[in-house]
Amino acid sequence: METNYTGYYPSPIGVFGITCNEHSVIRANFTDALPLSFTIQEKTPPILAEALCQIAEYFEGVRQQFDLPLEFSGPPFYQKVWQELIHIPYGETCSYGALAARVGNTKASRAVGLANNRNPISIIIPCHRVIGANGKLVGYGGGLHRKEWLLQWEREKI
């Protein structure tokens, strides 16, 4: 059985947790509940240190793209959506309908929304950049206040 390692970054909008195995990021999201105590693991993989460093650089405004190995599982359609999310440029947005067209099914905007909601690697796979067709902010697992903050943060940095 593979060991997972988790580290936390205290971002301006809440604690951001990143979980890695020995070679890839497997989960990243905001958390409102930290463990009551931390166990120091003897061997923390370099990928976790690098992931925490890159998320810190993002929140410091000096990183616009992540360069990390990612590992995620889910239905093939979800994986296709998650891969496409990575291509939405920093500081820009895309509608659910436009993202559906980019993955080859113009009628799948609801399915794209569901895949977006199930994104296991927030920010690094930038699901916060997807908005409603009318320009409104809709849906974000980390809370709409965080989505709004992230989009504003990115716009200010470009």
Protein backbone atom coordinates (compact mmCIF):
# COMPACT_ATOMS: atom_id res chain seq x y z
CA MET A 1 0.00 0.00 0.00
CA GLU A 2 1.29 3.41 -0.97
CA THR A 3 1.83 6.05 1.71
CA ASN A 4 0.27 9.48 1.30
CA TYR A 5 1.70 12.68 2.78
CA THR A 6 -0.20 15.88 3.49
CA GLY A 7 1.07 19.40 4.05
CA TYR A 8 -0.76 22.65 4.67
CA TYR A 9 -0.26 26.19 3.43
CA PRO A 10 -1.90 29.12 5.30
CA SER A 11 -3.20 31.10 2.31
CA PRO A 12 -4.85 34.52 2.61
CA ILE A 13 -8.24 32.84 2.11
CA GLY A 14 -7.87 29.78 4.30
CA VAL A 15 -5.72 26.76 4.90
CA PHE A 16 -4.87 24.90 1.71
CA GLY A 17 -4.02 21.22 2.05
CA ILE A 18 -1.96 19.25 -0.46
CA THR A 19 -1.70 15.47 -0.42
CA CYS A 20 0.95 13.61 -2.39
CA ASN A 21 2.16 10.09 -2.77
CA GLU A 22 5.85 9.41 -3.38
CA HIS A 23 5.78 10.92 -6.87
CA SER A 24 2.60 12.95 -7.59
CA VAL A 25 0.07 15.40 -6.20
CA ILE A 26 -3.16 13.47 -5.67
CA ARG A 27 -5.34 16.01 -3.82
CA ALA A 28 -5.30 19.75 -3.13
CA ASN A 29 -8.09 21.80 -1.62
CA PHE A 30 -9.09 24.25 1.07
CA THR A 31 -9.81 22.80 4.45
CA ASP A 32 -11.65 24.27 7.38
CA ALA A 33 -10.68 21.46 9.73
CA LEU A 34 -7.05 20.82 10.57
CA PRO A 35 -6.06 17.73 12.47
CA LEU A 36 -5.78 18.32 16.21
CA SER A 37 -2.22 17.07 16.15
CA PHE A 38 0.34 16.49 13.46
CA THR A 39 2.49 13.41 13.14
CA ILE A 40 5.97 14.09 11.83
CA GLN A 41 6.68 11.62 9.07
CA GLU A 42 10.26 10.49 8.79
CA LYS A 43 10.41 10.58 5.05
CA THR A 44 8.38 13.28 3.34
CA PRO A 45 8.74 13.07 -0.44
CA PRO A 46 10.32 16.01 -2.27
CA ILE A 47 7.14 16.36 -4.36
CA LEU A 48 5.21 17.57 -1.30
CA ALA A 49 7.84 20.20 -0.49
CA GLU A 50 7.81 21.32 -4.13
CA ALA A 51 4.00 21.46 -4.25
CA LEU A 52 3.88 23.58 -1.08
CA CYS A 53 6.58 25.85 -2.49
CA GLN A 54 4.68 26.31 -5.76
CA ILE A 55 1.36 27.06 -4.00
CA ALA A 56 3.19 29.62 -1.83
CA GLU A 57 4.60 31.22 -5.00
CA TYR A 58 1.10 31.34 -6.48
CA PHE A 59 -0.26 33.16 -3.43
CA GLU A 60 2.76 35.50 -3.44
CA GLY A 61 1.87 36.46 -7.02
CA VAL A 62 5.04 35.13 -8.63
CA ARG A 63 3.71 31.85 -10.11
CA GLN A 64 1.08 31.65 -12.82
CA GLN A 65 1.53 28.03 -13.90
CA PHE A 66 2.24 24.90 -11.91
CA ASP A 67 4.85 22.37 -12.87
CA LEU A 68 3.94 19.34 -10.81
CA PRO A 69 3.20 15.71 -11.62
CA LEU A 70 -0.49 15.09 -11.01
CA GLU A 71 -2.32 11.83 -10.45
CA PHE A 72 -6.08 11.68 -10.37
CA SER A 73 -8.74 9.14 -11.06
CA GLY A 74 -12.34 9.44 -12.05
CA PRO A 75 -14.61 8.76 -14.99
CA PRO A 76 -12.95 9.37 -18.37
CA PHE A 77 -15.16 12.41 -19.05
CA TYR A 78 -14.13 14.01 -15.75
CA GLN A 79 -10.48 13.38 -16.52
CA LYS A 80 -10.91 15.00 -19.93
CA VAL A 81 -12.48 18.08 -18.30
CA TRP A 82 -9.72 18.26 -15.66
CA GLN A 83 -7.05 18.06 -18.36
CA GLU A 84 -8.76 20.88 -20.26
CA LEU A 85 -9.02 23.07 -17.15
CA ILE A 86 -5.22 23.21 -17.02
CA HIS A 87 -5.28 25.07 -20.35
CA ILE A 88 -7.42 28.00 -19.15
CA PRO A 89 -4.88 30.83 -18.91
CA TYR A 90 -4.07 32.54 -15.61
CA GLY A 91 -6.29 35.56 -15.08
CA GLU A 92 -8.87 34.44 -17.64
CA THR A 93 -12.19 32.66 -17.36
CA CYS A 94 -14.19 30.22 -19.43
CA SER A 95 -17.89 29.39 -19.29
CA TYR A 96 -19.17 25.90 -18.57
CA GLY A 97 -20.66 25.80 -22.08
CA ALA A 98 -17.41 26.85 -23.72
CA LEU A 99 -15.53 24.23 -21.70
CA ALA A 100 -18.09 21.62 -22.80
CA ALA A 101 -17.38 22.57 -26.42
CA ARG A 102 -13.64 22.29 -25.80
CA VAL A 103 -14.06 18.71 -24.57
CA GLY A 104 -16.19 17.85 -27.59
CA ASN A 105 -19.79 17.99 -26.37
CA THR A 106 -21.54 21.35 -26.59
CA LYS A 107 -24.58 19.98 -24.71
CA ALA A 108 -22.57 18.77 -21.70
CA SER A 109 -22.30 22.00 -19.68
CA ARG A 110 -24.04 20.39 -16.67
CA ALA A 111 -21.72 17.39 -16.84
CA VAL A 112 -18.77 19.78 -17.07
CA GLY A 113 -20.08 21.53 -13.96
CA LEU A 114 -20.25 18.23 -12.12
CA ALA A 115 -16.72 17.29 -13.21
CA ASN A 116 -15.55 20.74 -12.14
CA ASN A 117 -17.15 20.25 -8.73
CA ARG A 118 -15.37 16.90 -8.32
CA ASN A 119 -11.93 18.28 -9.23
CA PRO A 120 -9.57 16.67 -6.69
CA ILE A 121 -6.70 19.14 -7.23
CA SER A 122 -8.03 22.66 -6.78
CA ILE A 123 -6.07 25.74 -7.93
CA ILE A 124 -3.35 23.59 -9.55
CA ILE A 125 -6.13 22.35 -11.85
CA PRO A 126 -7.85 25.76 -11.99
CA CYS A 127 -11.55 24.96 -11.72
CA HIS A 128 -12.06 28.41 -10.19
CA ARG A 129 -11.65 29.90 -13.68
CA VAL A 130 -14.95 28.45 -14.91
CA ILE A 131 -17.96 30.75 -14.66
CA GLY A 132 -21.56 30.90 -15.83
CA ALA A 133 -22.39 31.89 -19.41
CA ASN A 134 -23.78 35.19 -18.11
CA GLY A 135 -20.47 35.99 -16.40
CA LYS A 136 -21.76 35.18 -12.91
CA LEU A 137 -19.74 33.18 -10.45
CA VAL A 138 -21.45 29.88 -9.85
CA GLY A 139 -20.29 26.88 -7.91
CA TYR A 140 -16.94 26.35 -6.26
CA GLY A 141 -16.15 23.61 -3.77
CA GLY A 142 -14.01 25.99 -1.74
CA GLY A 143 -16.83 28.54 -1.52
CA LEU A 144 -17.81 31.37 -3.85
CA HIS A 145 -15.98 33.91 -1.67
CA ARG A 146 -12.73 32.09 -2.44
CA LYS A 147 -13.51 31.79 -6.14
CA GLU A 148 -14.16 35.53 -6.30
CA TRP A 149 -10.93 36.26 -4.42
CA LEU A 150 -8.85 33.94 -6.66
CA LEU A 151 -10.19 35.48 -9.88
CA GLN A 152 -9.63 39.02 -8.62
CA TRP A 153 -6.12 38.07 -7.39
CA GLU A 154 -5.18 36.68 -10.79
CA ARG A 155 -6.59 39.67 -12.68
CA GLU A 156 -4.53 42.03 -10.52
CA LYS A 157 -1.32 40.09 -11.18
CA ILE A 158 -1.42 40.07 -14.98
